[in-house]
Amino acid sequence: MPSGSRVRVDYADPAAPVLAVKLQETFGWADAPRVAGGRVPVLLHLLSPAGRPVAVTADLASFWRTGYPQVRAELRGRYPRHPWPEDPTTAEPTRRAAPRRR
């Protein structure tokens, strides 16, 4: 992962490999990754900072355009210490939250 995390791809169904990853760690990606020489798209299970599923997609570009604004609106208030950029395709991927204010 660009954020430094090591995340395993689940090949329980070889026709649809799954990558469960926190949403902030996919910032900067234009498309979902592919395996098998680029022939098989990976199904992304995008997780909240708490590790709960918020979206499932194999078409990340479409998710950024249509689904992300709604997810961002819902989760910004719940997870204010985490980044929620307006344009996630140009944002830096991260697995860290902002430090707490003292």
PDB file of N, CA and C in Angstrom:
ATOM      1  N   MET A   1       0.840  -1.177   0.000  1.00  0.00           N
ATOM      2  CA  MET A   1       0.000   0.000   0.000  1.00  0.00           C
ATOM      3  C   MET A   1       0.891   1.248   0.000  1.00  0.00           C
ATOM      4  N   PRO A   2       0.474   2.268  -0.682  1.00  0.00           N
ATOM      5  CA  PRO A   2       1.249   3.508  -0.679  1.00  0.00           C
ATOM      6  C   PRO A   2       1.389   4.129   0.711  1.00  0.00           C
ATOM      7  N   SER A   3       0.452   3.824   1.608  1.00  0.00           N
ATOM      8  CA  SER A   3       0.493   4.394   2.953  1.00  0.00           C
ATOM      9  C   SER A   3       1.472   3.660   3.860  1.00  0.00           C
ATOM     10  N   GLY A   4       1.993   2.543   3.399  1.00  0.00           N
ATOM     11  CA  GLY A   4       2.931   1.775   4.201  1.00  0.00           C
ATOM     12  C   GLY A   4       2.322   0.548   4.856  1.00  0.00           C
ATOM     13  N   SER A   5       1.019   0.414   4.797  1.00  0.00           N
ATOM     14  CA  SER A   5       0.356  -0.754   5.385  1.00  0.00           C
ATOM     15  C   SER A   5       0.568  -1.981   4.509  1.00  0.00           C
ATOM     16  N   ARG A   6       0.498  -3.109   5.144  1.00  0.00           N
ATOM     17  CA  ARG A   6       0.536  -4.374   4.411  1.00  0.00           C
ATOM     18  C   ARG A   6      -0.844  -4.994   4.521  1.00  0.00           C
ATOM     19  N   VAL A   7      -1.520  -5.098   3.398  1.00  0.00           N
ATOM     20  CA  VAL A   7      -2.882  -5.615   3.364  1.00  0.00           C
ATOM     21  C   VAL A   7      -2.913  -6.797   2.405  1.00  0.00           C
ATOM     22  N   ARG A   8      -3.523  -7.875   2.847  1.00  0.00           N
ATOM     23  CA  ARG A   8      -3.585  -9.077   2.014  1.00  0.00           C
ATOM     24  C   ARG A   8      -4.828  -9.084   1.139  1.00  0.00           C
ATOM     25  N   VAL A   9      -4.651  -9.602  -0.049  1.00  0.00           N
ATOM     26  CA  VAL A   9      -5.778  -9.801  -0.958  1.00  0.00           C
ATOM     27  C   VAL A   9      -6.383 -11.156  -0.636  1.00  0.00           C
ATOM     28  N   ASP A  10      -7.705 -11.196  -0.517  1.00  0.00           N
ATOM     29  CA  ASP A  10      -8.426 -12.432  -0.215  1.00  0.00           C
ATOM     30  C   ASP A  10      -8.810 -13.103  -1.534  1.00  0.00           C
ATOM     31  N   TYR A  11      -8.262 -14.286  -1.765  1.00  0.00           N
ATOM     32  CA  TYR A  11      -8.532 -15.032  -2.991  1.00  0.00           C
ATOM     33  C   TYR A  11      -9.515 -16.169  -2.761  1.00  0.00           C
ATOM     34  N   ALA A  12     -10.413 -16.042  -1.787  1.00  0.00           N
ATOM     35  CA  ALA A  12     -11.403 -17.094  -1.536  1.00  0.00           C
ATOM     36  C   ALA A  12     -12.199 -17.385  -2.810  1.00  0.00           C
ATOM     37  N   ASP A  13     -12.512 -16.345  -3.566  1.00  0.00           N
ATOM     38  CA  ASP A  13     -13.133 -16.499  -4.880  1.00  0.00           C
ATOM     39  C   ASP A  13     -12.124 -15.988  -5.902  1.00  0.00           C
ATOM     40  N   PRO A  14     -11.413 -16.880  -6.590  1.00  0.00           N
ATOM     41  CA  PRO A  14     -10.363 -16.443  -7.514  1.00  0.00           C
ATOM     42  C   PRO A  14     -10.868 -15.532  -8.634  1.00  0.00           C
ATOM     43  N   ALA A  15     -12.147 -15.621  -8.958  1.00  0.00           N
ATOM     44  CA  ALA A  15     -12.698 -14.769 -10.011  1.00  0.00           C
ATOM     45  C   ALA A  15     -12.921 -13.340  -9.522  1.00  0.00           C
ATOM     46  N   ALA A  16     -12.995 -13.163  -8.203  1.00  0.00           N
ATOM     47  CA  ALA A  16     -13.229 -11.831  -7.638  1.00  0.00           C
ATOM     48  C   ALA A  16     -12.401 -11.652  -6.367  1.00  0.00           C
ATOM     49  N   PRO A  17     -11.088 -11.439  -6.515  1.00  0.00           N
ATOM     50  CA  PRO A  17     -10.268 -11.215  -5.328  1.00  0.00           C
ATOM     51  C   PRO A  17     -10.704  -9.947  -4.599  1.00  0.00           C
ATOM     52  N   VAL A  18     -10.588  -9.972  -3.271  1.00  0.00           N
ATOM     53  CA  VAL A  18     -11.083  -8.872  -2.440  1.00  0.00           C
ATOM     54  C   VAL A  18      -9.930  -8.255  -1.652  1.00  0.00           C
ATOM     55  N   LEU A  19      -9.931  -6.934  -1.614  1.00  0.00           N
ATOM     56  CA  LEU A  19      -8.974  -6.188  -0.806  1.00  0.00           C
ATOM     57  C   LEU A  19      -9.770  -5.307   0.144  1.00  0.00           C
ATOM     58  N   ALA A  20      -9.727  -5.625   1.435  1.00  0.00           N
ATOM     59  CA  ALA A  20     -10.402  -4.815   2.455  1.00  0.00           C
ATOM     60  C   ALA A  20      -9.383  -3.808   2.977  1.00  0.00           C
ATOM     61  N   VAL A  21      -9.649  -2.531   2.732  1.00  0.00           N
ATOM     62  CA  VAL A  21      -8.676  -1.492   3.050  1.00  0.00           C
ATOM     63  C   VAL A  21      -9.400  -0.236   3.528  1.00  0.00           C
ATOM     64  N   LYS A  22      -8.764   0.480   4.446  1.00  0.00           N
ATOM     65  CA  LYS A  22      -9.356   1.731   4.921  1.00  0.00           C
ATOM     66  C   LYS A  22      -9.370   2.756   3.792  1.00  0.00           C
ATOM     67  N   LEU A  23     -10.439   3.479   3.722  1.00  0.00           N
ATOM     68  CA  LEU A  23     -10.668   4.434   2.640  1.00  0.00           C
ATOM     69  C   LEU A  23      -9.507   5.412   2.474  1.00  0.00           C
ATOM     70  N   GLN A  24      -8.969   5.928   3.573  1.00  0.00           N
ATOM     71  CA  GLN A  24      -7.892   6.921   3.495  1.00  0.00           C
ATOM     72  C   GLN A  24      -6.620   6.358   2.863  1.00  0.00           C
ATOM     73  N   GLU A  25      -6.472   5.046   2.883  1.00  0.00           N
ATOM     74  CA  GLU A  25      -5.278   4.436   2.304  1.00  0.00           C
ATOM     75  C   GLU A  25      -5.374   4.303   0.787  1.00  0.00           C
ATOM     76  N   THR A  26      -6.547   4.569   0.227  1.00  0.00           N
ATOM     77  CA  THR A  26      -6.710   4.503  -1.229  1.00  0.00           C
ATOM     78  C   THR A  26      -6.675   5.883  -1.871  1.00  0.00           C
ATOM     79  N   PHE A  27      -6.501   6.927  -1.071  1.00  0.00           N
ATOM     80  CA  PHE A  27      -6.396   8.267  -1.654  1.00  0.00           C
ATOM     81  C   PHE A  27      -5.249   8.274  -2.657  1.00  0.00           C
ATOM     82  N   GLY A  28      -5.459   8.945  -3.748  1.00  0.00           N
ATOM     83  CA  GLY A  28      -4.444   9.020  -4.790  1.00  0.00           C
ATOM     84  C   GLY A  28      -4.600   7.961  -5.866  1.00  0.00           C
ATOM     85  N   TRP A  29      -5.415   6.954  -5.627  1.00  0.00           N
ATOM     86  CA  TRP A  29      -5.638   5.916  -6.636  1.00  0.00           C
ATOM     87  C   TRP A  29      -6.699   6.396  -7.614  1.00  0.00           C
ATOM     88  N   ALA A  30      -6.435   6.255  -8.887  1.00  0.00           N
ATOM     89  CA  ALA A  30      -7.433   6.604  -9.895  1.00  0.00           C
ATOM     90  C   ALA A  30      -8.354   5.415 -10.166  1.00  0.00           C
ATOM     91  N   ASP A  31      -7.789   4.226 -10.121  1.00  0.00           N
ATOM     92  CA  ASP A  31      -8.552   3.008 -10.402  1.00  0.00           C
ATOM     93  C   ASP A  31      -8.233   1.942  -9.368  1.00  0.00           C
ATOM     94  N   ALA A  32      -9.108   0.949  -9.299  1.00  0.00           N
ATOM     95  CA  ALA A  32      -8.867  -0.194  -8.413  1.00  0.00           C
ATOM     96  C   ALA A  32      -7.706  -1.008  -8.975  1.00  0.00           C
ATOM     97  N   PRO A  33      -6.931  -1.622  -8.110  1.00  0.00           N
ATOM     98  CA  PRO A  33      -5.833  -2.462  -8.605  1.00  0.00           C
ATOM     99  C   PRO A  33      -6.365  -3.682  -9.359  1.00  0.00           C
ATOM    100  N   ARG A  34      -5.492  -4.260 -10.151  1.00  0.00           N
ATOM    101  CA  ARG A  34      -5.838  -5.460 -10.916  1.00  0.00           C
ATOM    102  C   ARG A  34      -4.767  -6.514 -10.671  1.00  0.00           C
ATOM    103  N   VAL A  35      -5.167  -7.766 -10.800  1.00  0.00           N
ATOM    104  CA  VAL A  35      -4.238  -8.886 -10.653  1.00  0.00           C
ATOM    105  C   VAL A  35      -4.286  -9.720 -11.923  1.00  0.00           C
ATOM    106  N   ALA A  36      -3.496 -10.763 -11.966  1.00  0.00           N
ATOM    107  CA  ALA A  36      -3.438 -11.671 -13.120  1.00  0.00           C
ATOM    108  C   ALA A  36      -3.052 -10.912 -14.385  1.00  0.00           C
ATOM    109  N   GLY A  37      -1.988 -10.144 -14.274  1.00  0.00           N
ATOM    110  CA  GLY A  37      -1.507  -9.416 -15.442  1.00  0.00           C
ATOM    111  C   GLY A  37      -2.452  -8.324 -15.901  1.00  0.00           C
ATOM    112  N   GLY A  38      -3.239  -7.782 -14.981  1.00  0.00           N
ATOM    113  CA  GLY A  38      -4.167  -6.704 -15.318  1.00  0.00           C
ATOM    114  C   GLY A  38      -5.511  -7.168 -15.841  1.00  0.00           C
ATOM    115  N   ARG A  39      -5.746  -8.479 -15.835  1.00  0.00           N
ATOM    116  CA  ARG A  39      -7.001  -9.003 -16.386  1.00  0.00           C
ATOM    117  C   ARG A  39      -8.145  -9.015 -15.380  1.00  0.00           C
ATOM    118  N   VAL A  40      -7.833  -9.134 -14.085  1.00  0.00           N
ATOM    119  CA  VAL A  40      -8.883  -9.300 -13.076  1.00  0.00           C
ATOM    120  C   VAL A  40      -8.872  -8.111 -12.113  1.00  0.00           C
ATOM    121  N   PRO A  41      -9.964  -7.336 -12.082  1.00  0.00           N
ATOM    122  CA  PRO A  41     -10.010  -6.223 -11.127  1.00  0.00           C
ATOM    123  C   PRO A  41     -10.223  -6.743  -9.704  1.00  0.00           C
ATOM    124  N   VAL A  42      -9.620  -6.060  -8.770  1.00  0.00           N
ATOM    125  CA  VAL A  42      -9.772  -6.414  -7.359  1.00  0.00           C
ATOM    126  C   VAL A  42     -11.006  -5.695  -6.823  1.00  0.00           C
ATOM    127  N   LEU A  43     -11.837  -6.429  -6.115  1.00  0.00           N
ATOM    128  CA  LEU A  43     -13.018  -5.849  -5.487  1.00  0.00           C
ATOM    129  C   LEU A  43     -12.567  -5.185  -4.190  1.00  0.00           C
ATOM    130  N   LEU A  44     -12.778  -3.886  -4.090  1.00  0.00           N
ATOM    131  CA  LEU A  44     -12.350  -3.142  -2.907  1.00  0.00           C
ATOM    132  C   LEU A  44     -13.474  -3.066  -1.892  1.00  0.00           C
ATOM    133  N   HIS A  45     -13.183  -3.479  -0.681  1.00  0.00           N
ATOM    134  CA  HIS A  45     -14.077  -3.256   0.450  1.00  0.00           C
ATOM    135  C   HIS A  45     -13.480  -2.069   1.193  1.00  0.00           C
ATOM    136  N   LEU A  46     -14.053  -0.907   0.978  1.00  0.00           N
ATOM    137  CA  LEU A  46     -13.532   0.316   1.581  1.00  0.00           C
ATOM    138  C   LEU A  46     -14.073   0.441   2.996  1.00  0.00           C
ATOM    139  N   LEU A  47     -13.160   0.645   3.935  1.00  0.00           N
ATOM    140  CA  LEU A  47     -13.507   0.634   5.350  1.00  0.00           C
ATOM    141  C   LEU A  47     -13.405   2.029   5.958  1.00  0.00           C
ATOM    142  N   SER A  48     -14.202   2.250   6.988  1.00  0.00           N
ATOM    143  CA  SER A  48     -14.121   3.488   7.758  1.00  0.00           C
ATOM    144  C   SER A  48     -12.852   3.441   8.609  1.00  0.00           C
ATOM    145  N   PRO A  49     -12.484   4.547   9.251  1.00  0.00           N
ATOM    146  CA  PRO A  49     -11.327   4.509  10.146  1.00  0.00           C
ATOM    147  C   PRO A  49     -11.463   3.479  11.269  1.00  0.00           C
ATOM    148  N   ALA A  50     -12.696   3.109  11.606  1.00  0.00           N
ATOM    149  CA  ALA A  50     -12.919   2.099  12.645  1.00  0.00           C
ATOM    150  C   ALA A  50     -12.868   0.679  12.083  1.00  0.00           C
ATOM    151  N   GLY A  51     -12.693   0.555  10.771  1.00  0.00           N
ATOM    152  CA  GLY A  51     -12.605  -0.758  10.156  1.00  0.00           C
ATOM    153  C   GLY A  51     -13.941  -1.334   9.725  1.00  0.00           C
ATOM    154  N   ARG A  52     -14.977  -0.509   9.723  1.00  0.00           N
ATOM    155  CA  ARG A  52     -16.302  -0.975   9.292  1.00  0.00           C
ATOM    156  C   ARG A  52     -16.486  -0.697   7.801  1.00  0.00           C
ATOM    157  N   PRO A  53     -17.130  -1.599   7.076  1.00  0.00           N
ATOM    158  CA  PRO A  53     -17.328  -1.378   5.638  1.00  0.00           C
ATOM    159  C   PRO A  53     -18.220  -0.163   5.367  1.00  0.00           C
ATOM    160  N   VAL A  54     -17.793   0.678   4.436  1.00  0.00           N
ATOM    161  CA  VAL A  54     -18.612   1.823   4.033  1.00  0.00           C
ATOM    162  C   VAL A  54     -18.980   1.750   2.561  1.00  0.00           C
ATOM    163  N   ALA A  55     -18.214   0.988   1.777  1.00  0.00           N
ATOM    164  CA  ALA A  55     -18.515   0.845   0.353  1.00  0.00           C
ATOM    165  C   ALA A  55     -17.787  -0.372  -0.197  1.00  0.00           C
ATOM    166  N   VAL A  56     -18.362  -0.939  -1.241  1.00  0.00           N
ATOM    167  CA  VAL A  56     -17.745  -2.048  -1.962  1.00  0.00           C
ATOM    168  C   VAL A  56     -17.768  -1.677  -3.436  1.00  0.00           C
ATOM    169  N   THR A  57     -16.602  -1.714  -4.079  1.00  0.00           N
ATOM    170  CA  THR A  57     -16.543  -1.323  -5.481  1.00  0.00           C
ATOM    171  C   THR A  57     -15.370  -1.980  -6.194  1.00  0.00           C
ATOM    172  N   ALA A  58     -15.546  -2.222  -7.467  1.00  0.00           N
ATOM    173  CA  ALA A  58     -14.443  -2.631  -8.331  1.00  0.00           C
ATOM    174  C   ALA A  58     -14.110  -1.484  -9.280  1.00  0.00           C
ATOM    175  N   ASP A  59     -14.963  -0.460  -9.283  1.00  0.00           N
ATOM    176  CA  ASP A  59     -14.787   0.708 -10.146  1.00  0.00           C
ATOM    177  C   ASP A  59     -14.507   1.920  -9.257  1.00  0.00           C
ATOM    178  N   LEU A  60     -13.259   2.080  -8.888  1.00  0.00           N
ATOM    179  CA  LEU A  60     -12.887   3.138  -7.955  1.00  0.00           C
ATOM    180  C   LEU A  60     -13.094   4.525  -8.559  1.00  0.00           C
ATOM    181  N   ALA A  61     -12.834   4.676  -9.835  1.00  0.00           N
ATOM    182  CA  ALA A  61     -13.018   5.981 -10.476  1.00  0.00           C
ATOM    183  C   ALA A  61     -14.469   6.441 -10.355  1.00  0.00           C
ATOM    184  N   SER A  62     -15.392   5.532 -10.576  1.00  0.00           N
ATOM    185  CA  SER A  62     -16.811   5.867 -10.445  1.00  0.00           C
ATOM    186  C   SER A  62     -17.172   6.157  -8.989  1.00  0.00           C
ATOM    187  N   PHE A  63     -16.602   5.397  -8.064  1.00  0.00           N
ATOM    188  CA  PHE A  63     -16.867   5.639  -6.647  1.00  0.00           C
ATOM    189  C   PHE A  63     -16.410   7.034  -6.238  1.00  0.00           C
ATOM    190  N   TRP A  64     -15.229   7.444  -6.691  1.00  0.00           N
ATOM    191  CA  TRP A  64     -14.742   8.782  -6.324  1.00  0.00           C
ATOM    192  C   TRP A  64     -15.708   9.858  -6.808  1.00  0.00           C
ATOM    193  N   ARG A  65     -16.286   9.666  -7.994  1.00  0.00           N
ATOM    194  CA  ARG A  65     -17.196  10.674  -8.556  1.00  0.00           C
ATOM    195  C   ARG A  65     -18.573  10.662  -7.909  1.00  0.00           C
ATOM    196  N   THR A  66     -19.113   9.475  -7.651  1.00  0.00           N
ATOM    197  CA  THR A  66     -20.514   9.397  -7.231  1.00  0.00           C
ATOM    198  C   THR A  66     -20.727   8.991  -5.773  1.00  0.00           C
ATOM    199  N   GLY A  67     -20.007   8.012  -5.298  1.00  0.00           N
ATOM    200  CA  GLY A  67     -20.239   7.508  -3.943  1.00  0.00           C
ATOM    201  C   GLY A  67     -19.476   8.232  -2.857  1.00  0.00           C
ATOM    202  N   TYR A  68     -18.263   8.659  -3.176  1.00  0.00           N
ATOM    203  CA  TYR A  68     -17.415   9.272  -2.159  1.00  0.00           C
ATOM    204  C   TYR A  68     -18.010  10.538  -1.546  1.00  0.00           C
ATOM    205  N   PRO A  69     -18.608  11.438  -2.329  1.00  0.00           N
ATOM    206  CA  PRO A  69     -19.162  12.644  -1.683  1.00  0.00           C
ATOM    207  C   PRO A  69     -20.167  12.327  -0.574  1.00  0.00           C
ATOM    208  N   GLN A  70     -20.978  11.318  -0.770  1.00  0.00           N
ATOM    209  CA  GLN A  70     -21.950  10.941   0.263  1.00  0.00           C
ATOM    210  C   GLN A  70     -21.245  10.298   1.461  1.00  0.00           C
ATOM    211  N   VAL A  71     -20.308   9.411   1.194  1.00  0.00           N
ATOM    212  CA  VAL A  71     -19.552   8.775   2.282  1.00  0.00           C
ATOM    213  C   VAL A  71     -18.789   9.837   3.064  1.00  0.00           C
ATOM    214  N   ARG A  72     -18.184  10.763   2.350  1.00  0.00           N
ATOM    215  CA  ARG A  72     -17.434  11.853   2.991  1.00  0.00           C
ATOM    216  C   ARG A  72     -18.345  12.669   3.898  1.00  0.00           C
ATOM    217  N   ALA A  73     -19.526  13.006   3.405  1.00  0.00           N
ATOM    218  CA  ALA A  73     -20.470  13.803   4.199  1.00  0.00           C
ATOM    219  C   ALA A  73     -20.881  13.069   5.475  1.00  0.00           C
ATOM    220  N   GLU A  74     -21.089  11.769   5.363  1.00  0.00           N
ATOM    221  CA  GLU A  74     -21.511  10.988   6.527  1.00  0.00           C
ATOM    222  C   GLU A  74     -20.395  10.808   7.550  1.00  0.00           C
ATOM    223  N   LEU A  75     -19.176  10.597   7.080  1.00  0.00           N
ATOM    224  CA  LEU A  75     -18.097  10.228   7.995  1.00  0.00           C
ATOM    225  C   LEU A  75     -17.250  11.392   8.506  1.00  0.00           C
ATOM    226  N   ARG A  76     -17.325  12.533   7.859  1.00  0.00           N
ATOM    227  CA  ARG A  76     -16.533  13.681   8.320  1.00  0.00           C
ATOM    228  C   ARG A  76     -16.856  14.069   9.752  1.00  0.00           C
ATOM    229  N   GLY A  77     -18.124  14.072  10.088  1.00  0.00           N
ATOM    230  CA  GLY A  77     -18.522  14.433  11.444  1.00  0.00           C
ATOM    231  C   GLY A  77     -18.172  13.363  12.459  1.00  0.00           C
ATOM    232  N   ARG A  78     -18.249  12.116  12.038  1.00  0.00           N
ATOM    233  CA  ARG A  78     -17.979  11.004  12.946  1.00  0.00           C
ATOM    234  C   ARG A  78     -16.483  10.813  13.189  1.00  0.00           C
ATOM    235  N   TYR A  79     -15.682  11.117  12.182  1.00  0.00           N
ATOM    236  CA  TYR A  79     -14.228  10.938  12.279  1.00  0.00           C
ATOM    237  C   TYR A  79     -13.523  12.242  11.894  1.00  0.00           C
ATOM    238  N   PRO A  80     -13.637  13.278  12.721  1.00  0.00           N
ATOM    239  CA  PRO A  80     -13.076  14.580  12.349  1.00  0.00           C
ATOM    240  C   PRO A  80     -11.547  14.627  12.316  1.00  0.00           C
ATOM    241  N   ARG A  81     -10.887  13.708  12.975  1.00  0.00           N
ATOM    242  CA  ARG A  81      -9.420  13.725  12.993  1.00  0.00           C
ATOM    243  C   ARG A  81      -8.813  13.081  11.748  1.00  0.00           C
ATOM    244  N   HIS A  82      -9.637  12.479  10.930  1.00  0.00           N
ATOM    245  CA  HIS A  82      -9.149  11.818   9.722  1.00  0.00           C
ATOM    246  C   HIS A  82      -9.361  12.722   8.515  1.00  0.00           C
ATOM    247  N   PRO A  83      -8.479  12.616   7.528  1.00  0.00           N
ATOM    248  CA  PRO A  83      -8.622  13.472   6.345  1.00  0.00           C
ATOM    249  C   PRO A  83      -9.797  13.037   5.468  1.00  0.00           C
ATOM    250  N   TRP A  84     -10.522  14.020   4.962  1.00  0.00           N
ATOM    251  CA  TRP A  84     -11.650  13.788   4.047  1.00  0.00           C
ATOM    252  C   TRP A  84     -11.559  14.815   2.921  1.00  0.00           C
ATOM    253  N   PRO A  85     -10.579  14.688   2.036  1.00  0.00           N
ATOM    254  CA  PRO A  85     -10.390  15.698   0.986  1.00  0.00           C
ATOM    255  C   PRO A  85     -11.542  15.712  -0.013  1.00  0.00           C
ATOM    256  N   GLU A  86     -11.734  16.864  -0.622  1.00  0.00           N
ATOM    257  CA  GLU A  86     -12.771  16.957  -1.651  1.00  0.00           C
ATOM    258  C   GLU A  86     -12.372  16.178  -2.894  1.00  0.00           C
ATOM    259  N   ASP A  87     -11.082  16.161  -3.212  1.00  0.00           N
ATOM    260  CA  ASP A  87     -10.601  15.398  -4.366  1.00  0.00           C
ATOM    261  C   ASP A  87      -9.658  14.297  -3.877  1.00  0.00           C
ATOM    262  N   PRO A  88     -10.183  13.112  -3.628  1.00  0.00           N
ATOM    263  CA  PRO A  88      -9.347  12.037  -3.087  1.00  0.00           C
ATOM    264  C   PRO A  88      -8.327  11.493  -4.084  1.00  0.00           C
ATOM    265  N   THR A  89      -8.512  11.769  -5.365  1.00  0.00           N
ATOM    266  CA  THR A  89      -7.565  11.238  -6.352  1.00  0.00           C
ATOM    267  C   THR A  89      -6.230  11.969  -6.315  1.00  0.00           C
ATOM    268  N   THR A  90      -6.207  13.163  -5.748  1.00  0.00           N
ATOM    269  CA  THR A  90      -4.951  13.908  -5.662  1.00  0.00           C
ATOM    270  C   THR A  90      -4.420  13.975  -4.232  1.00  0.00           C
ATOM    271  N   ALA A  91      -5.151  13.409  -3.290  1.00  0.00           N
ATOM    272  CA  ALA A  91      -4.742  13.457  -1.880  1.00  0.00           C
ATOM    273  C   ALA A  91      -3.684  12.400  -1.583  1.00  0.00           C
ATOM    274  N   GLU A  92      -2.931  12.648  -0.550  1.00  0.00           N
ATOM    275  CA  GLU A  92      -1.891  11.725  -0.101  1.00  0.00           C
ATOM    276  C   GLU A  92      -2.531  10.586   0.699  1.00  0.00           C
ATOM    277  N   PRO A  93      -2.237   9.327   0.366  1.00  0.00           N
ATOM    278  CA  PRO A  93      -2.791   8.227   1.160  1.00  0.00           C
ATOM    279  C   PRO A  93      -2.185   8.222   2.563  1.00  0.00           C
ATOM    280  N   THR A  94      -3.002   7.855   3.535  1.00  0.00           N
ATOM    281  CA  THR A  94      -2.518   7.857   4.912  1.00  0.00           C
ATOM    282  C   THR A  94      -3.232   6.795   5.729  1.00  0.00           C
ATOM    283  N   ARG A  95      -2.578   6.361   6.771  1.00  0.00           N
ATOM    284  CA  ARG A  95      -3.232   5.463   7.724  1.00  0.00           C
ATOM    285  C   ARG A  95      -3.285   6.104   9.096  1.00  0.00           C
ATOM    286  N   ARG A  96      -2.878   7.333   9.185  1.00  0.00           N
ATOM    287  CA  ARG A  96      -2.821   8.048  10.457  1.00  0.00           C
ATOM    288  C   ARG A  96      -3.910   9.107  10.557  1.00  0.00           C
ATOM    289  N   ALA A  97      -4.318   9.362  11.772  1.00  0.00           N
ATOM    290  CA  ALA A  97      -5.248  10.454  12.053  1.00  0.00           C
ATOM    291  C   ALA A  97      -4.435  11.648  12.541  1.00  0.00           C
ATOM    292  N   ALA A  98      -5.040  12.803  12.504  1.00  0.00           N
ATOM    293  CA  ALA A  98      -4.384  13.995  13.041  1.00  0.00           C
ATOM    294  C   ALA A  98      -4.253  13.839  14.557  1.00  0.00           C
ATOM    295  N   PRO A  99      -3.214  14.394  15.140  1.00  0.00           N
ATOM    296  CA  PRO A  99      -3.067  14.283  16.594  1.00  0.00           C
ATOM    297  C   PRO A  99      -4.205  14.986  17.331  1.00  0.00           C
ATOM    298  N   ARG A 100      -4.486  14.511  18.515  1.00  0.00           N
ATOM    299  CA  ARG A 100      -5.540  15.121  19.330  1.00  0.00           C
ATOM    300  C   ARG A 100      -5.104  16.488  19.815  1.00  0.00           C
ATOM    301  N   ARG A 101      -6.075  17.360  19.929  1.00  0.00           N
ATOM    302  CA  ARG A 101      -5.791  18.679  20.496  1.00  0.00           C
ATOM    303  C   ARG A 101      -5.755  18.560  22.005  1.00  0.00           C
ATOM    304  N   ARG A 102      -4.869  19.280  22.607  1.00  0.00           N
ATOM    305  CA  ARG A 102      -4.753  19.208  24.074  1.00  0.00           C
ATOM    306  C   ARG A 102      -5.421  20.356  24.731  1.00  0.00           C
TER     307      ARG A 102
END
